[in-house]
Amino acid sequence: RAWYMGWFRQAPGLEREGVAAIDSDGTTSYADFAKGR
């Protein structure tokens, strides 16, 4: 099947947040803190 995948992170005491994702068609998306790095 077609799958999408992503990276998330969680620091102690903080909410889990999305870092980056890649969709089934190859489209990528990034959190602001991750863009360019």
ModelCIF file with pLDDT and N, C-alpha, C, O atoms, coordinates in Angstrom:
data_MODEL
#
_entry.id   MODEL 
#
_entity.id                         1 
_entity.type                       polymer 
_entity.pdbx_number_of_molecules   1 
#
_entity_poly.entity_id                      1 
_entity_poly.type                           'polypeptide(L)' 
_entity_poly.nstd_linkage                   no 
_entity_poly.nstd_monomer                   no 
_entity_poly.pdbx_seq_one_letter_code       RAWYMGWFRQAPGLEREGVAAIDSDGTTSYADFAKGR 
_entity_poly.pdbx_seq_one_letter_code_can   RAWYMGWFRQAPGLEREGVAAIDSDGTTSYADFAKGR 
_entity_poly.pdbx_strand_id                 A 
#
loop_
_entity_poly_seq.entity_id 
_entity_poly_seq.num 
_entity_poly_seq.mon_id 
_entity_poly_seq.hetero 
1 1  ARG n 
1 2  ALA n 
1 3  TRP n 
1 4  TYR n 
1 5  MET n 
1 6  GLY n 
1 7  TRP n 
1 8  PHE n 
1 9  ARG n 
1 10 GLN n 
1 11 ALA n 
1 12 PRO n 
1 13 GLY n 
1 14 LEU n 
1 15 GLU n 
1 16 ARG n 
1 17 GLU n 
1 18 GLY n 
1 19 VAL n 
1 20 ALA n 
1 21 ALA n 
1 22 ILE n 
1 23 ASP n 
1 24 SER n 
1 25 ASP n 
1 26 GLY n 
1 27 THR n 
1 28 THR n 
1 29 SER n 
1 30 TYR n 
1 31 ALA n 
1 32 ASP n 
1 33 PHE n 
1 34 ALA n 
1 35 LYS n 
1 36 GLY n 
1 37 ARG n 
#
_struct_asym.id          A 
_struct_asym.entity_id   1 
#
loop_
_ma_qa_metric.id 
_ma_qa_metric.mode 
_ma_qa_metric.name 
_ma_qa_metric.software_group_id 
_ma_qa_metric.type 
1 global pLDDT . pLDDT 
2 local  pLDDT . pLDDT 
#
_ma_qa_metric_global.metric_id      1 
_ma_qa_metric_global.metric_value   96.35 
_ma_qa_metric_global.model_id       1 
_ma_qa_metric_global.ordinal_id     1 
#
loop_
_ma_qa_metric_local.label_asym_id 
_ma_qa_metric_local.label_comp_id 
_ma_qa_metric_local.label_seq_id 
_ma_qa_metric_local.metric_id 
_ma_qa_metric_local.metric_value 
_ma_qa_metric_local.model_id 
_ma_qa_metric_local.ordinal_id 
A ARG 1  2 85.00 1 1  
A ALA 2  2 92.00 1 2  
A TRP 3  2 94.00 1 3  
A TYR 4  2 96.00 1 4  
A MET 5  2 97.00 1 5  
A GLY 6  2 98.00 1 6  
A TRP 7  2 98.00 1 7  
A PHE 8  2 98.00 1 8  
A ARG 9  2 98.00 1 9  
A GLN 10 2 98.00 1 10 
A ALA 11 2 97.00 1 11 
A PRO 12 2 93.00 1 12 
A GLY 13 2 94.00 1 13 
A LEU 14 2 96.00 1 14 
A GLU 15 2 96.00 1 15 
A ARG 16 2 97.00 1 16 
A GLU 17 2 98.00 1 17 
A GLY 18 2 98.00 1 18 
A VAL 19 2 98.00 1 19 
A ALA 20 2 98.00 1 20 
A ALA 21 2 98.00 1 21 
A ILE 22 2 97.00 1 22 
A ASP 23 2 96.00 1 23 
A SER 24 2 93.00 1 24 
A ASP 25 2 93.00 1 25 
A GLY 26 2 95.00 1 26 
A THR 27 2 96.00 1 27 
A THR 28 2 98.00 1 28 
A SER 29 2 98.00 1 29 
A TYR 30 2 98.00 1 30 
A ALA 31 2 98.00 1 31 
A ASP 32 2 98.00 1 32 
A PHE 33 2 97.00 1 33 
A ALA 34 2 98.00 1 34 
A LYS 35 2 98.00 1 35 
A GLY 36 2 97.00 1 36 
A ARG 37 2 98.00 1 37 
#
loop_
_atom_site.group_PDB 
_atom_site.id 
_atom_site.type_symbol 
_atom_site.label_atom_id 
_atom_site.label_alt_id 
_atom_site.label_comp_id 
_atom_site.label_asym_id 
_atom_site.label_entity_id 
_atom_site.label_seq_id 
_atom_site.pdbx_PDB_ins_code 
_atom_site.Cartn_x 
_atom_site.Cartn_y 
_atom_site.Cartn_z 
_atom_site.occupancy 
_atom_site.B_iso_or_equiv 
_atom_site.pdbx_formal_charge 
_atom_site.auth_seq_id 
_atom_site.auth_comp_id 
_atom_site.auth_asym_id 
_atom_site.auth_atom_id 
_atom_site.pdbx_PDB_model_num 
ATOM 1   N N  . ARG A 1 1  ? 0.847  -1.180 0.000  1.00 85.00 ? 1  ARG A N  1 
ATOM 2   C CA . ARG A 1 1  ? 0.000  0.000  0.000  1.00 85.00 ? 1  ARG A CA 1 
ATOM 3   C C  . ARG A 1 1  ? 0.884  1.232  0.000  1.00 85.00 ? 1  ARG A C  1 
ATOM 4   O O  . ARG A 1 1  ? 2.104  1.132  0.132  1.00 85.00 ? 1  ARG A O  1 
ATOM 5   N N  . ALA A 1 2  ? 0.269  2.385  -0.148 1.00 92.00 ? 2  ALA A N  1 
ATOM 6   C CA . ALA A 1 2  ? 0.990  3.647  -0.062 1.00 92.00 ? 2  ALA A CA 1 
ATOM 7   C C  . ALA A 1 2  ? 1.068  4.074  1.406  1.00 92.00 ? 2  ALA A C  1 
ATOM 8   O O  . ALA A 1 2  ? 0.064  4.064  2.117  1.00 92.00 ? 2  ALA A O  1 
ATOM 9   N N  . TRP A 1 3  ? 2.255  4.442  1.842  1.00 94.00 ? 3  TRP A N  1 
ATOM 10  C CA . TRP A 1 3  ? 2.481  4.831  3.223  1.00 94.00 ? 3  TRP A CA 1 
ATOM 11  C C  . TRP A 1 3  ? 3.111  6.207  3.302  1.00 94.00 ? 3  TRP A C  1 
ATOM 12  O O  . TRP A 1 3  ? 3.854  6.616  2.410  1.00 94.00 ? 3  TRP A O  1 
ATOM 13  N N  . TYR A 1 4  ? 2.810  6.910  4.368  1.00 96.00 ? 4  TYR A N  1 
ATOM 14  C CA . TYR A 1 4  ? 3.535  8.131  4.673  1.00 96.00 ? 4  TYR A CA 1 
ATOM 15  C C  . TYR A 1 4  ? 4.221  7.922  6.018  1.00 96.00 ? 4  TYR A C  1 
ATOM 16  O O  . TYR A 1 4  ? 3.743  7.158  6.856  1.00 96.00 ? 4  TYR A O  1 
ATOM 17  N N  . MET A 1 5  ? 5.334  8.601  6.215  1.00 97.00 ? 5  MET A N  1 
ATOM 18  C CA . MET A 1 5  ? 6.126  8.421  7.417  1.00 97.00 ? 5  MET A CA 1 
ATOM 19  C C  . MET A 1 5  ? 6.613  9.766  7.935  1.00 97.00 ? 5  MET A C  1 
ATOM 20  O O  . MET A 1 5  ? 6.688  10.747 7.195  1.00 97.00 ? 5  MET A O  1 
ATOM 21  N N  . GLY A 1 6  ? 6.939  9.790  9.215  1.00 98.00 ? 6  GLY A N  1 
ATOM 22  C CA . GLY A 1 6  ? 7.396  11.033 9.801  1.00 98.00 ? 6  GLY A CA 1 
ATOM 23  C C  . GLY A 1 6  ? 8.289  10.829 11.003 1.00 98.00 ? 6  GLY A C  1 
ATOM 24  O O  . GLY A 1 6  ? 8.377  9.736  11.562 1.00 98.00 ? 6  GLY A O  1 
ATOM 25  N N  . TRP A 1 7  ? 8.948  11.903 11.384 1.00 98.00 ? 7  TRP A N  1 
ATOM 26  C CA . TRP A 1 7  ? 9.771  11.940 12.589 1.00 98.00 ? 7  TRP A CA 1 
ATOM 27  C C  . TRP A 1 7  ? 9.152  12.911 13.585 1.00 98.00 ? 7  TRP A C  1 
ATOM 28  O O  . TRP A 1 7  ? 8.762  14.023 13.229 1.00 98.00 ? 7  TRP A O  1 
ATOM 29  N N  . PHE A 1 8  ? 9.069  12.480 14.820 1.00 98.00 ? 8  PHE A N  1 
ATOM 30  C CA . PHE A 1 8  ? 8.575  13.305 15.908 1.00 98.00 ? 8  PHE A CA 1 
ATOM 31  C C  . PHE A 1 8  ? 9.609  13.315 17.017 1.00 98.00 ? 8  PHE A C  1 
ATOM 32  O O  . PHE A 1 8  ? 10.487 12.453 17.059 1.00 98.00 ? 8  PHE A O  1 
ATOM 33  N N  . ARG A 1 9  ? 9.511  14.273 17.906 1.00 98.00 ? 9  ARG A N  1 
ATOM 34  C CA . ARG A 1 9  ? 10.437 14.313 19.029 1.00 98.00 ? 9  ARG A CA 1 
ATOM 35  C C  . ARG A 1 9  ? 9.726  14.801 20.282 1.00 98.00 ? 9  ARG A C  1 
ATOM 36  O O  . ARG A 1 9  ? 8.724  15.512 20.213 1.00 98.00 ? 9  ARG A O  1 
ATOM 37  N N  . GLN A 1 10 ? 10.268 14.401 21.430 1.00 98.00 ? 10 GLN A N  1 
ATOM 38  C CA . GLN A 1 10 ? 9.699  14.817 22.697 1.00 98.00 ? 10 GLN A CA 1 
ATOM 39  C C  . GLN A 1 10 ? 10.807 15.007 23.719 1.00 98.00 ? 10 GLN A C  1 
ATOM 40  O O  . GLN A 1 10 ? 11.551 14.077 24.027 1.00 98.00 ? 10 GLN A O  1 
ATOM 41  N N  . ALA A 1 11 ? 10.906 16.212 24.234 1.00 97.00 ? 11 ALA A N  1 
ATOM 42  C CA . ALA A 1 11 ? 11.850 16.529 25.288 1.00 97.00 ? 11 ALA A CA 1 
ATOM 43  C C  . ALA A 1 11 ? 11.142 16.387 26.629 1.00 97.00 ? 11 ALA A C  1 
ATOM 44  O O  . ALA A 1 11 ? 9.918  16.506 26.688 1.00 97.00 ? 11 ALA A O  1 
ATOM 45  N N  . PRO A 1 12 ? 11.885 16.136 27.707 1.00 93.00 ? 12 PRO A N  1 
ATOM 46  C CA . PRO A 1 12 ? 11.264 15.981 29.029 1.00 93.00 ? 12 PRO A CA 1 
ATOM 47  C C  . PRO A 1 12 ? 10.394 17.175 29.401 1.00 93.00 ? 12 PRO A C  1 
ATOM 48  O O  . PRO A 1 12 ? 10.832 18.323 29.320 1.00 93.00 ? 12 PRO A O  1 
ATOM 49  N N  . GLY A 1 13 ? 9.162  16.898 29.809 1.00 94.00 ? 13 GLY A N  1 
ATOM 50  C CA . GLY A 1 13 ? 8.255  17.947 30.230 1.00 94.00 ? 13 GLY A CA 1 
ATOM 51  C C  . GLY A 1 13 ? 7.546  18.681 29.116 1.00 94.00 ? 13 GLY A C  1 
ATOM 52  O O  . GLY A 1 13 ? 6.731  19.564 29.385 1.00 94.00 ? 13 GLY A O  1 
ATOM 53  N N  . LEU A 1 14 ? 7.836  18.339 27.863 1.00 96.00 ? 14 LEU A N  1 
ATOM 54  C CA . LEU A 1 14 ? 7.232  19.018 26.732 1.00 96.00 ? 14 LEU A CA 1 
ATOM 55  C C  . LEU A 1 14 ? 6.348  18.070 25.920 1.00 96.00 ? 14 LEU A C  1 
ATOM 56  O O  . LEU A 1 14 ? 6.429  16.849 26.060 1.00 96.00 ? 14 LEU A O  1 
ATOM 57  N N  . GLU A 1 15 ? 5.511  18.652 25.077 1.00 96.00 ? 15 GLU A N  1 
ATOM 58  C CA . GLU A 1 15 ? 4.645  17.883 24.204 1.00 96.00 ? 15 GLU A CA 1 
ATOM 59  C C  . GLU A 1 15 ? 5.449  17.263 23.071 1.00 96.00 ? 15 GLU A C  1 
ATOM 60  O O  . GLU A 1 15 ? 6.485  17.790 22.666 1.00 96.00 ? 15 GLU A O  1 
ATOM 61  N N  . ARG A 1 16 ? 4.962  16.147 22.570 1.00 97.00 ? 16 ARG A N  1 
ATOM 62  C CA . ARG A 1 16 ? 5.572  15.560 21.396 1.00 97.00 ? 16 ARG A CA 1 
ATOM 63  C C  . ARG A 1 16 ? 5.242  16.439 20.194 1.00 97.00 ? 16 ARG A C  1 
ATOM 64  O O  . ARG A 1 16 ? 4.100  16.866 20.028 1.00 97.00 ? 16 ARG A O  1 
ATOM 65  N N  . GLU A 1 17 ? 6.240  16.708 19.361 1.00 98.00 ? 17 GLU A N  1 
ATOM 66  C CA . GLU A 1 17 ? 6.040  17.579 18.224 1.00 98.00 ? 17 GLU A CA 1 
ATOM 67  C C  . GLU A 1 17 ? 6.571  16.962 16.940 1.00 98.00 ? 17 GLU A C  1 
ATOM 68  O O  . GLU A 1 17 ? 7.532  16.192 16.949 1.00 98.00 ? 17 GLU A O  1 
ATOM 69  N N  . GLY A 1 18 ? 5.933  17.314 15.850 1.00 98.00 ? 18 GLY A N  1 
ATOM 70  C CA . GLY A 1 18 ? 6.368  16.829 14.554 1.00 98.00 ? 18 GLY A CA 1 
ATOM 71  C C  . GLY A 1 18 ? 7.647  17.520 14.126 1.00 98.00 ? 18 GLY A C  1 
ATOM 72  O O  . GLY A 1 18 ? 7.810  18.722 14.336 1.00 98.00 ? 18 GLY A O  1 
ATOM 73  N N  . VAL A 1 19 ? 8.546  16.772 13.531 1.00 98.00 ? 19 VAL A N  1 
ATOM 74  C CA . VAL A 1 19 ? 9.822  17.294 13.053 1.00 98.00 ? 19 VAL A CA 1 
ATOM 75  C C  . VAL A 1 19 ? 9.826  17.389 11.531 1.00 98.00 ? 19 VAL A C  1 
ATOM 76  O O  . VAL A 1 19 ? 10.092 18.447 10.962 1.00 98.00 ? 19 VAL A O  1 
ATOM 77  N N  . ALA A 1 20 ? 9.530  16.280 10.892 1.00 98.00 ? 20 ALA A N  1 
ATOM 78  C CA . ALA A 1 20 ? 9.522  16.215 9.435  1.00 98.00 ? 20 ALA A CA 1 
ATOM 79  C C  . ALA A 1 20 ? 8.689  15.028 8.995  1.00 98.00 ? 20 ALA A C  1 
ATOM 80  O O  . ALA A 1 20 ? 8.538  14.059 9.739  1.00 98.00 ? 20 ALA A O  1 
ATOM 81  N N  . ALA A 1 21 ? 8.152  15.100 7.792  1.00 98.00 ? 21 ALA A N  1 
ATOM 82  C CA . ALA A 1 21 ? 7.346  14.012 7.264  1.00 98.00 ? 21 ALA A CA 1 
ATOM 83  C C  . ALA A 1 21 ? 7.533  13.902 5.762  1.00 98.00 ? 21 ALA A C  1 
ATOM 84  O O  . ALA A 1 21 ? 7.856  14.876 5.082  1.00 98.00 ? 21 ALA A O  1 
ATOM 85  N N  . ILE A 1 22 ? 7.324  12.696 5.262  1.00 97.00 ? 22 ILE A N  1 
ATOM 86  C CA . ILE A 1 22 ? 7.386  12.468 3.827  1.00 97.00 ? 22 ILE A CA 1 
ATOM 87  C C  . ILE A 1 22 ? 6.152  11.674 3.433  1.00 97.00 ? 22 ILE A C  1 
ATOM 88  O O  . ILE A 1 22 ? 5.897  10.595 3.969  1.00 97.00 ? 22 ILE A O  1 
ATOM 89  N N  . ASP A 1 23 ? 5.393  12.213 2.499  1.00 96.00 ? 23 ASP A N  1 
ATOM 90  C CA . ASP A 1 23 ? 4.137  11.609 2.105  1.00 96.00 ? 23 ASP A CA 1 
ATOM 91  C C  . ASP A 1 23 ? 4.356  10.490 1.087  1.00 96.00 ? 23 ASP A C  1 
ATOM 92  O O  . ASP A 1 23 ? 5.474  10.273 0.618  1.00 96.00 ? 23 ASP A O  1 
ATOM 93  N N  . SER A 1 24 ? 3.290  9.794  0.757  1.00 93.00 ? 24 SER A N  1 
ATOM 94  C CA . SER A 1 24 ? 3.374  8.667  -0.159 1.00 93.00 ? 24 SER A CA 1 
ATOM 95  C C  . SER A 1 24 ? 3.830  9.075  -1.553 1.00 93.00 ? 24 SER A C  1 
ATOM 96  O O  . SER A 1 24 ? 4.387  8.259  -2.288 1.00 93.00 ? 24 SER A O  1 
ATOM 97  N N  . ASP A 1 25 ? 3.597  10.336 -1.923 1.00 93.00 ? 25 ASP A N  1 
ATOM 98  C CA . ASP A 1 25 ? 4.017  10.822 -3.235 1.00 93.00 ? 25 ASP A CA 1 
ATOM 99  C C  . ASP A 1 25 ? 5.396  11.473 -3.202 1.00 93.00 ? 25 ASP A C  1 
ATOM 100 O O  . ASP A 1 25 ? 5.845  12.025 -4.206 1.00 93.00 ? 25 ASP A O  1 
ATOM 101 N N  . GLY A 1 26 ? 6.072  11.413 -2.050 1.00 95.00 ? 26 GLY A N  1 
ATOM 102 C CA . GLY A 1 26 ? 7.399  11.981 -1.917 1.00 95.00 ? 26 GLY A CA 1 
ATOM 103 C C  . GLY A 1 26 ? 7.436  13.397 -1.390 1.00 95.00 ? 26 GLY A C  1 
ATOM 104 O O  . GLY A 1 26 ? 8.516  13.924 -1.119 1.00 95.00 ? 26 GLY A O  1 
ATOM 105 N N  . THR A 1 27 ? 6.294  14.023 -1.238 1.00 96.00 ? 27 THR A N  1 
ATOM 106 C CA . THR A 1 27 ? 6.231  15.384 -0.722 1.00 96.00 ? 27 THR A CA 1 
ATOM 107 C C  . THR A 1 27 ? 6.710  15.430 0.723  1.00 96.00 ? 27 THR A C  1 
ATOM 108 O O  . THR A 1 27 ? 6.278  14.629 1.552  1.00 96.00 ? 27 THR A O  1 
ATOM 109 N N  . THR A 1 28 ? 7.591  16.358 1.019  1.00 98.00 ? 28 THR A N  1 
ATOM 110 C CA . THR A 1 28 ? 8.122  16.494 2.368  1.00 98.00 ? 28 THR A CA 1 
ATOM 111 C C  . THR A 1 28 ? 7.568  17.739 3.047  1.00 98.00 ? 28 THR A C  1 
ATOM 112 O O  . THR A 1 28 ? 7.181  18.705 2.390  1.00 98.00 ? 28 THR A O  1 
ATOM 113 N N  . SER A 1 29 ? 7.538  17.695 4.354  1.00 98.00 ? 29 SER A N  1 
ATOM 114 C CA . SER A 1 29 ? 7.116  18.837 5.146  1.00 98.00 ? 29 SER A CA 1 
ATOM 115 C C  . SER A 1 29 ? 7.983  18.896 6.397  1.00 98.00 ? 29 SER A C  1 
ATOM 116 O O  . SER A 1 29 ? 8.418  17.866 6.913  1.00 98.00 ? 29 SER A O  1 
ATOM 117 N N  . TYR A 1 30 ? 8.227  20.111 6.877  1.00 98.00 ? 30 TYR A N  1 
ATOM 118 C CA . TYR A 1 30 ? 9.108  20.306 8.015  1.00 98.00 ? 30 TYR A CA 1 
ATOM 119 C C  . TYR A 1 30 ? 8.528  21.291 9.005  1.00 98.00 ? 30 TYR A C  1 
ATOM 120 O O  . TYR A 1 30 ? 7.828  22.232 8.631  1.00 98.00 ? 30 TYR A O  1 
ATOM 121 N N  . ALA A 1 31 ? 8.827  21.064 10.273 1.00 98.00 ? 31 ALA A N  1 
ATOM 122 C CA . ALA A 1 31 ? 8.535  22.055 11.288 1.00 98.00 ? 31 ALA A CA 1 
ATOM 123 C C  . ALA A 1 31 ? 9.474  23.237 11.064 1.00 98.00 ? 31 ALA A C  1 
ATOM 124 O O  . ALA A 1 31 ? 10.553 23.077 10.493 1.00 98.00 ? 31 ALA A O  1 
ATOM 125 N N  . ASP A 1 32 ? 9.068  24.411 11.510 1.00 98.00 ? 32 ASP A N  1 
ATOM 126 C CA . ASP A 1 32 ? 9.885  25.600 11.295 1.00 98.00 ? 32 ASP A CA 1 
ATOM 127 C C  . ASP A 1 32 ? 11.299 25.452 11.851 1.00 98.00 ? 32 ASP A C  1 
ATOM 128 O O  . ASP A 1 32 ? 12.260 25.908 11.232 1.00 98.00 ? 32 ASP A O  1 
ATOM 129 N N  . PHE A 1 33 ? 11.428 24.822 13.004 1.00 97.00 ? 33 PHE A N  1 
ATOM 130 C CA . PHE A 1 33 ? 12.749 24.696 13.616 1.00 97.00 ? 33 PHE A CA 1 
ATOM 131 C C  . PHE A 1 33 ? 13.658 23.753 12.845 1.00 97.00 ? 33 PHE A C  1 
ATOM 132 O O  . PHE A 1 33 ? 14.876 23.776 13.027 1.00 97.00 ? 33 PHE A O  1 
ATOM 133 N N  . ALA A 1 34 ? 13.075 22.921 11.982 1.00 98.00 ? 34 ALA A N  1 
ATOM 134 C CA . ALA A 1 34 ? 13.856 21.940 11.239 1.00 98.00 ? 34 ALA A CA 1 
ATOM 135 C C  . ALA A 1 34 ? 14.256 22.413 9.852  1.00 98.00 ? 34 ALA A C  1 
ATOM 136 O O  . ALA A 1 34 ? 15.196 21.874 9.269  1.00 98.00 ? 34 ALA A O  1 
ATOM 137 N N  . LYS A 1 35 ? 13.570 23.397 9.319  1.00 98.00 ? 35 LYS A N  1 
ATOM 138 C CA . LYS A 1 35 ? 13.836 23.874 7.965  1.00 98.00 ? 35 LYS A CA 1 
ATOM 139 C C  . LYS A 1 35 ? 15.254 24.409 7.832  1.00 98.00 ? 35 LYS A C  1 
ATOM 140 O O  . LYS A 1 35 ? 15.704 25.230 8.632  1.00 98.00 ? 35 LYS A O  1 
ATOM 141 N N  . GLY A 1 36 ? 15.948 23.928 6.805  1.00 97.00 ? 36 GLY A N  1 
ATOM 142 C CA . GLY A 1 36 ? 17.308 24.372 6.555  1.00 97.00 ? 36 GLY A CA 1 
ATOM 143 C C  . GLY A 1 36 ? 18.363 23.617 7.327  1.00 97.00 ? 36 GLY A C  1 
ATOM 144 O O  . GLY A 1 36 ? 19.553 23.763 7.044  1.00 97.00 ? 36 GLY A O  1 
ATOM 145 N N  . ARG A 1 37 ? 17.961 22.812 8.293  1.00 98.00 ? 37 ARG A N  1 
ATOM 146 C CA . ARG A 1 37 ? 18.917 22.055 9.099  1.00 98.00 ? 37 ARG A CA 1 
ATOM 147 C C  . ARG A 1 37 ? 18.720 20.546 8.983  1.00 98.00 ? 37 ARG A C  1 
ATOM 148 O O  . ARG A 1 37 ? 19.453 19.778 9.606  1.00 98.00 ? 37 ARG A O  1 
#
